[in-house]
Amino acid sequence: MSNVVDSSAWLEYLADGPNADAFAPAIEAVHSLVVPTLVITEVLRRLEVQGQRSIIPDVLAQMRQATLVPLDDQLAVDAATAGKRNGLALADSIIYATTQAVGGTLWTQDEDFRELPSVEFRRHRAR
């Protein structure tokens, strides 16, 4: 079974937030981890904004150990369909379509995915 971890879950894990332990098994099992390339963009951009530039090389190296899935034309079509069907924003559509394409489970704390099939949702908890 493949695990897709969305940006919110990656950032929670990297910050050692309250839900970090829930996402750790999916992130640390690199043999079954799938990373949409869009997630790389979102996570690294957020780390940059947070002034955490120093950890970016290590985070990128960790993500590159997984199976990377770039956005191609078929995934773009699938994302458009998934987005319309489920009322998802563009980035969320791509992440969810990637999860469906690999037959995986999406790990997230993003409320937009909460009720969708093949999603392991953890409610965001403040520190």
N, C-alpha and C. Protein backbone atom coordinates (compact mmCIF):
# COMPACT_ATOMS: atom_id res chain seq x y z
N MET A 1 0.84 -1.18 0.00
CA MET A 1 0.00 0.00 0.00
C MET A 1 0.88 1.24 0.00
N SER A 2 0.58 2.17 -0.85
CA SER A 2 1.32 3.42 -0.94
C SER A 2 0.72 4.47 -0.01
N ASN A 3 1.58 5.30 0.53
CA ASN A 3 1.16 6.42 1.36
C ASN A 3 1.55 7.72 0.69
N VAL A 4 0.58 8.61 0.56
CA VAL A 4 0.81 9.96 0.06
C VAL A 4 0.59 10.88 1.24
N VAL A 5 1.58 11.72 1.52
CA VAL A 5 1.49 12.63 2.66
C VAL A 5 1.39 14.04 2.09
N ASP A 6 0.32 14.75 2.44
CA ASP A 6 0.15 16.08 1.87
C ASP A 6 1.02 17.10 2.62
N SER A 7 1.03 18.30 2.11
CA SER A 7 1.91 19.34 2.64
C SER A 7 1.63 19.64 4.10
N SER A 8 0.36 19.68 4.48
CA SER A 8 0.03 20.00 5.87
C SER A 8 0.60 18.96 6.83
N ALA A 9 0.57 17.71 6.43
CA ALA A 9 1.10 16.64 7.28
C ALA A 9 2.63 16.67 7.32
N TRP A 10 3.26 16.93 6.17
CA TRP A 10 4.72 17.06 6.15
C TRP A 10 5.16 18.19 7.09
N LEU A 11 4.51 19.34 6.99
CA LEU A 11 4.89 20.49 7.81
C LEU A 11 4.66 20.21 9.29
N GLU A 12 3.61 19.50 9.61
CA GLU A 12 3.34 19.11 10.99
C GLU A 12 4.45 18.20 11.52
N TYR A 13 4.84 17.25 10.69
CA TYR A 13 5.91 16.31 11.05
C TYR A 13 7.24 17.06 11.24
N LEU A 14 7.57 17.92 10.30
CA LEU A 14 8.84 18.65 10.37
C LEU A 14 8.90 19.60 11.56
N ALA A 15 7.76 20.14 11.97
CA ALA A 15 7.70 21.06 13.11
C ALA A 15 7.56 20.31 14.44
N ASP A 16 7.46 18.97 14.36
CA ASP A 16 7.21 18.14 15.54
C ASP A 16 5.98 18.64 16.29
N GLY A 17 4.93 18.91 15.49
CA GLY A 17 3.67 19.38 16.05
C GLY A 17 2.90 18.27 16.73
N PRO A 18 1.74 18.61 17.29
CA PRO A 18 0.93 17.64 18.03
C PRO A 18 0.55 16.38 17.24
N ASN A 19 0.41 16.48 15.92
CA ASN A 19 0.06 15.31 15.11
C ASN A 19 1.26 14.65 14.43
N ALA A 20 2.46 15.09 14.75
CA ALA A 20 3.66 14.56 14.09
C ALA A 20 3.75 13.04 14.21
N ASP A 21 3.44 12.51 15.40
CA ASP A 21 3.54 11.06 15.60
C ASP A 21 2.55 10.28 14.74
N ALA A 22 1.43 10.89 14.41
CA ALA A 22 0.44 10.22 13.55
C ALA A 22 0.95 10.11 12.12
N PHE A 23 1.74 11.08 11.68
CA PHE A 23 2.23 11.09 10.30
C PHE A 23 3.60 10.43 10.13
N ALA A 24 4.33 10.27 11.21
CA ALA A 24 5.68 9.72 11.15
C ALA A 24 5.75 8.35 10.47
N PRO A 25 4.89 7.40 10.80
CA PRO A 25 5.02 6.09 10.16
C PRO A 25 4.90 6.16 8.63
N ALA A 26 3.99 6.99 8.12
CA ALA A 26 3.82 7.11 6.66
C ALA A 26 5.03 7.78 6.03
N ILE A 27 5.57 8.80 6.68
CA ILE A 27 6.71 9.54 6.13
C ILE A 27 8.00 8.72 6.22
N GLU A 28 8.17 8.03 7.30
CA GLU A 28 9.42 7.32 7.53
C GLU A 28 9.50 5.98 6.82
N ALA A 29 8.38 5.46 6.34
CA ALA A 29 8.38 4.21 5.56
C ALA A 29 8.59 4.56 4.09
N VAL A 30 9.83 4.94 3.75
CA VAL A 30 10.11 5.48 2.42
C VAL A 30 9.84 4.48 1.30
N HIS A 31 9.87 3.18 1.61
CA HIS A 31 9.60 2.18 0.57
C HIS A 31 8.15 2.23 0.07
N SER A 32 7.24 2.77 0.87
CA SER A 32 5.85 2.88 0.44
C SER A 32 5.38 4.33 0.33
N LEU A 33 6.30 5.27 0.48
CA LEU A 33 5.96 6.69 0.44
C LEU A 33 5.99 7.22 -0.99
N VAL A 34 4.92 7.92 -1.35
CA VAL A 34 4.81 8.57 -2.66
C VAL A 34 4.70 10.06 -2.42
N VAL A 35 5.52 10.83 -3.13
CA VAL A 35 5.52 12.29 -2.97
C VAL A 35 5.17 12.94 -4.30
N PRO A 36 3.99 13.56 -4.38
CA PRO A 36 3.69 14.37 -5.56
C PRO A 36 4.68 15.53 -5.61
N THR A 37 5.22 15.83 -6.77
CA THR A 37 6.21 16.91 -6.85
C THR A 37 5.62 18.24 -6.39
N LEU A 38 4.33 18.41 -6.53
CA LEU A 38 3.68 19.62 -6.03
C LEU A 38 3.88 19.78 -4.52
N VAL A 39 3.89 18.67 -3.79
CA VAL A 39 4.09 18.72 -2.34
C VAL A 39 5.50 19.25 -2.03
N ILE A 40 6.47 18.86 -2.84
CA ILE A 40 7.82 19.40 -2.65
C ILE A 40 7.78 20.92 -2.74
N THR A 41 7.12 21.43 -3.77
CA THR A 41 7.02 22.87 -3.96
C THR A 41 6.36 23.54 -2.76
N GLU A 42 5.23 23.01 -2.33
CA GLU A 42 4.49 23.62 -1.22
C GLU A 42 5.29 23.60 0.09
N VAL A 43 5.90 22.47 0.40
CA VAL A 43 6.64 22.34 1.66
C VAL A 43 7.87 23.24 1.65
N LEU A 44 8.65 23.19 0.58
CA LEU A 44 9.87 24.01 0.55
C LEU A 44 9.55 25.50 0.55
N ARG A 45 8.49 25.88 -0.13
CA ARG A 45 8.09 27.28 -0.13
C ARG A 45 7.72 27.73 1.29
N ARG A 46 6.98 26.90 1.99
CA ARG A 46 6.56 27.25 3.36
C ARG A 46 7.76 27.33 4.29
N LEU A 47 8.70 26.40 4.15
CA LEU A 47 9.91 26.44 4.98
C LEU A 47 10.70 27.72 4.71
N GLU A 48 10.76 28.11 3.45
CA GLU A 48 11.44 29.34 3.07
C GLU A 48 10.77 30.54 3.74
N VAL A 49 9.45 30.61 3.68
CA VAL A 49 8.69 31.71 4.29
C VAL A 49 8.91 31.74 5.80
N GLN A 50 9.01 30.57 6.41
CA GLN A 50 9.21 30.48 7.85
C GLN A 50 10.66 30.75 8.27
N GLY A 51 11.53 31.00 7.29
CA GLY A 51 12.92 31.27 7.60
C GLY A 51 13.72 30.04 7.98
N GLN A 52 13.26 28.89 7.50
CA GLN A 52 13.93 27.63 7.82
C GLN A 52 14.75 27.10 6.64
N ARG A 53 15.39 27.99 5.95
CA ARG A 53 16.17 27.64 4.76
C ARG A 53 17.22 26.56 5.06
N SER A 54 17.77 26.56 6.25
CA SER A 54 18.86 25.64 6.58
C SER A 54 18.43 24.17 6.54
N ILE A 55 17.16 23.88 6.76
CA ILE A 55 16.73 22.47 6.75
C ILE A 55 16.24 22.01 5.38
N ILE A 56 16.12 22.92 4.44
CA ILE A 56 15.58 22.56 3.13
C ILE A 56 16.38 21.44 2.45
N PRO A 57 17.70 21.48 2.43
CA PRO A 57 18.43 20.38 1.77
C PRO A 57 18.12 19.00 2.37
N ASP A 58 18.02 18.93 3.70
CA ASP A 58 17.72 17.65 4.35
C ASP A 58 16.29 17.20 4.06
N VAL A 59 15.36 18.13 4.07
CA VAL A 59 13.97 17.79 3.77
C VAL A 59 13.85 17.30 2.33
N LEU A 60 14.49 17.99 1.42
CA LEU A 60 14.46 17.59 0.02
C LEU A 60 15.10 16.21 -0.16
N ALA A 61 16.20 15.96 0.50
CA ALA A 61 16.84 14.64 0.42
C ALA A 61 15.91 13.55 0.95
N GLN A 62 15.21 13.84 2.03
CA GLN A 62 14.27 12.87 2.59
C GLN A 62 13.13 12.59 1.60
N MET A 63 12.59 13.63 1.00
CA MET A 63 11.49 13.46 0.04
C MET A 63 11.96 12.68 -1.19
N ARG A 64 13.20 12.91 -1.61
CA ARG A 64 13.72 12.24 -2.80
C ARG A 64 13.95 10.73 -2.59
N GLN A 65 13.93 10.27 -1.36
CA GLN A 65 14.05 8.84 -1.09
C GLN A 65 12.77 8.10 -1.47
N ALA A 66 11.68 8.83 -1.54
CA ALA A 66 10.37 8.25 -1.86
C ALA A 66 10.21 8.14 -3.37
N THR A 67 9.09 7.60 -3.78
CA THR A 67 8.72 7.60 -5.19
C THR A 67 8.11 8.96 -5.51
N LEU A 68 8.74 9.69 -6.42
CA LEU A 68 8.24 11.01 -6.80
C LEU A 68 7.29 10.88 -7.98
N VAL A 69 6.17 11.59 -7.91
CA VAL A 69 5.19 11.56 -8.99
C VAL A 69 5.01 12.97 -9.53
N PRO A 70 5.51 13.21 -10.74
CA PRO A 70 5.34 14.53 -11.36
C PRO A 70 3.94 14.67 -11.95
N LEU A 71 3.55 15.90 -12.16
CA LEU A 71 2.26 16.18 -12.80
C LEU A 71 2.43 16.02 -14.31
N ASP A 72 1.78 15.02 -14.87
CA ASP A 72 1.79 14.84 -16.32
C ASP A 72 0.39 15.12 -16.86
N ASP A 73 0.21 14.95 -18.15
CA ASP A 73 -1.08 15.32 -18.75
C ASP A 73 -2.23 14.47 -18.23
N GLN A 74 -2.04 13.16 -18.04
CA GLN A 74 -3.13 12.32 -17.55
C GLN A 74 -3.48 12.65 -16.11
N LEU A 75 -2.48 12.88 -15.28
CA LEU A 75 -2.74 13.25 -13.90
C LEU A 75 -3.45 14.60 -13.83
N ALA A 76 -3.11 15.51 -14.74
CA ALA A 76 -3.79 16.81 -14.79
C ALA A 76 -5.28 16.64 -15.11
N VAL A 77 -5.59 15.76 -16.06
CA VAL A 77 -6.99 15.48 -16.39
C VAL A 77 -7.70 14.86 -15.19
N ASP A 78 -7.04 13.89 -14.56
CA ASP A 78 -7.64 13.23 -13.38
C ASP A 78 -7.85 14.23 -12.24
N ALA A 79 -6.90 15.15 -12.07
CA ALA A 79 -7.02 16.16 -11.01
C ALA A 79 -8.19 17.10 -11.29
N ALA A 80 -8.37 17.46 -12.54
CA ALA A 80 -9.51 18.33 -12.88
C ALA A 80 -10.83 17.65 -12.53
N THR A 81 -10.92 16.37 -12.84
CA THR A 81 -12.13 15.60 -12.54
C THR A 81 -12.33 15.47 -11.03
N ALA A 82 -11.27 15.08 -10.33
CA ALA A 82 -11.36 14.91 -8.87
C ALA A 82 -11.69 16.22 -8.18
N GLY A 83 -11.11 17.31 -8.67
CA GLY A 83 -11.37 18.61 -8.07
C GLY A 83 -12.81 19.03 -8.21
N LYS A 84 -13.35 18.86 -9.41
CA LYS A 84 -14.75 19.23 -9.64
C LYS A 84 -15.69 18.35 -8.82
N ARG A 85 -15.44 17.05 -8.84
CA ARG A 85 -16.30 16.09 -8.15
C ARG A 85 -16.31 16.32 -6.63
N ASN A 86 -15.16 16.69 -6.08
CA ASN A 86 -15.03 16.77 -4.63
C ASN A 86 -14.89 18.19 -4.09
N GLY A 87 -15.01 19.20 -4.96
CA GLY A 87 -14.92 20.58 -4.53
C GLY A 87 -13.56 20.95 -3.96
N LEU A 88 -12.50 20.43 -4.58
CA LEU A 88 -11.15 20.67 -4.09
C LEU A 88 -10.47 21.81 -4.84
N ALA A 89 -9.61 22.52 -4.16
CA ALA A 89 -8.78 23.55 -4.79
C ALA A 89 -7.75 22.85 -5.69
N LEU A 90 -7.08 23.62 -6.52
CA LEU A 90 -6.17 23.07 -7.51
C LEU A 90 -5.11 22.15 -6.91
N ALA A 91 -4.35 22.64 -5.94
CA ALA A 91 -3.28 21.82 -5.35
C ALA A 91 -3.85 20.56 -4.72
N ASP A 92 -4.94 20.70 -3.99
CA ASP A 92 -5.56 19.54 -3.36
C ASP A 92 -6.05 18.54 -4.40
N SER A 93 -6.54 19.03 -5.52
CA SER A 93 -6.99 18.14 -6.59
C SER A 93 -5.84 17.29 -7.12
N ILE A 94 -4.69 17.90 -7.29
CA ILE A 94 -3.52 17.18 -7.81
C ILE A 94 -3.05 16.15 -6.79
N ILE A 95 -3.01 16.51 -5.54
CA ILE A 95 -2.57 15.59 -4.49
C ILE A 95 -3.53 14.42 -4.37
N TYR A 96 -4.83 14.69 -4.40
CA TYR A 96 -5.82 13.62 -4.28
C TYR A 96 -5.80 12.72 -5.53
N ALA A 97 -5.68 13.30 -6.70
CA ALA A 97 -5.61 12.50 -7.93
C ALA A 97 -4.37 11.62 -7.93
N THR A 98 -3.27 12.13 -7.39
CA THR A 98 -2.06 11.31 -7.28
C THR A 98 -2.30 10.13 -6.36
N THR A 99 -2.96 10.38 -5.25
CA THR A 99 -3.29 9.30 -4.31
C THR A 99 -4.13 8.23 -5.00
N GLN A 100 -5.12 8.65 -5.76
CA GLN A 100 -5.97 7.70 -6.47
C GLN A 100 -5.18 6.95 -7.54
N ALA A 101 -4.29 7.65 -8.24
CA ALA A 101 -3.52 7.03 -9.32
C ALA A 101 -2.61 5.92 -8.81
N VAL A 102 -2.08 6.08 -7.60
CA VAL A 102 -1.18 5.06 -7.05
C VAL A 102 -1.92 4.06 -6.16
N GLY A 103 -3.23 4.24 -6.03
CA GLY A 103 -4.02 3.33 -5.19
C GLY A 103 -3.62 3.41 -3.73
N GLY A 104 -3.28 4.61 -3.29
CA GLY A 104 -2.75 4.78 -1.94
C GLY A 104 -3.71 5.39 -0.95
N THR A 105 -3.14 5.73 0.18
CA THR A 105 -3.84 6.41 1.26
C THR A 105 -3.23 7.79 1.42
N LEU A 106 -4.07 8.79 1.53
CA LEU A 106 -3.62 10.16 1.74
C LEU A 106 -3.63 10.48 3.23
N TRP A 107 -2.49 10.93 3.74
CA TRP A 107 -2.34 11.33 5.13
C TRP A 107 -2.38 12.84 5.19
N THR A 108 -3.26 13.40 6.03
CA THR A 108 -3.47 14.85 6.01
C THR A 108 -4.11 15.35 7.30
N GLN A 109 -3.99 16.65 7.48
CA GLN A 109 -4.80 17.32 8.50
C GLN A 109 -5.57 18.47 7.86
N ASP A 110 -5.68 18.41 6.54
CA ASP A 110 -6.42 19.41 5.76
C ASP A 110 -7.90 19.01 5.76
N GLU A 111 -8.74 19.86 6.31
CA GLU A 111 -10.18 19.60 6.44
C GLU A 111 -10.85 19.28 5.09
N ASP A 112 -10.32 19.82 4.00
CA ASP A 112 -10.94 19.61 2.69
C ASP A 112 -10.97 18.14 2.28
N PHE A 113 -10.09 17.33 2.84
CA PHE A 113 -10.02 15.91 2.50
C PHE A 113 -10.77 15.01 3.47
N ARG A 114 -11.22 15.56 4.57
CA ARG A 114 -11.73 14.78 5.71
C ARG A 114 -12.70 13.67 5.36
N GLU A 115 -13.65 13.91 4.50
CA GLU A 115 -14.70 12.94 4.22
C GLU A 115 -14.45 12.07 2.99
N LEU A 116 -13.31 12.25 2.34
CA LEU A 116 -13.05 11.51 1.10
C LEU A 116 -12.53 10.11 1.37
N PRO A 117 -12.79 9.18 0.45
CA PRO A 117 -12.26 7.82 0.61
C PRO A 117 -10.74 7.81 0.52
N SER A 118 -10.14 6.81 1.14
CA SER A 118 -8.69 6.59 1.12
C SER A 118 -7.91 7.73 1.76
N VAL A 119 -8.49 8.33 2.80
CA VAL A 119 -7.85 9.44 3.50
C VAL A 119 -7.73 9.10 4.98
N GLU A 120 -6.53 9.31 5.51
CA GLU A 120 -6.29 9.22 6.96
C GLU A 120 -6.18 10.65 7.46
N PHE A 121 -7.26 11.13 8.02
CA PHE A 121 -7.35 12.53 8.46
C PHE A 121 -7.10 12.63 9.96
N ARG A 122 -6.29 13.60 10.33
CA ARG A 122 -6.07 13.94 11.73
C ARG A 122 -6.42 15.40 11.89
N ARG A 123 -7.32 15.70 12.80
CA ARG A 123 -7.72 17.10 13.03
C ARG A 123 -6.51 17.87 13.56
N HIS A 124 -6.29 19.04 12.98
CA HIS A 124 -5.19 19.90 13.41
C HIS A 124 -5.41 20.32 14.85
N ARG A 125 -4.38 20.15 15.65
CA ARG A 125 -4.44 20.52 17.06
C ARG A 125 -3.41 21.61 17.34
N ALA A 126 -3.82 22.63 18.03
CA ALA A 126 -2.88 23.70 18.41
C ALA A 126 -1.93 23.19 19.49
N ARG A 127 -0.78 23.79 19.53
CA ARG A 127 0.20 23.41 20.56
C ARG A 127 -0.24 23.87 21.92
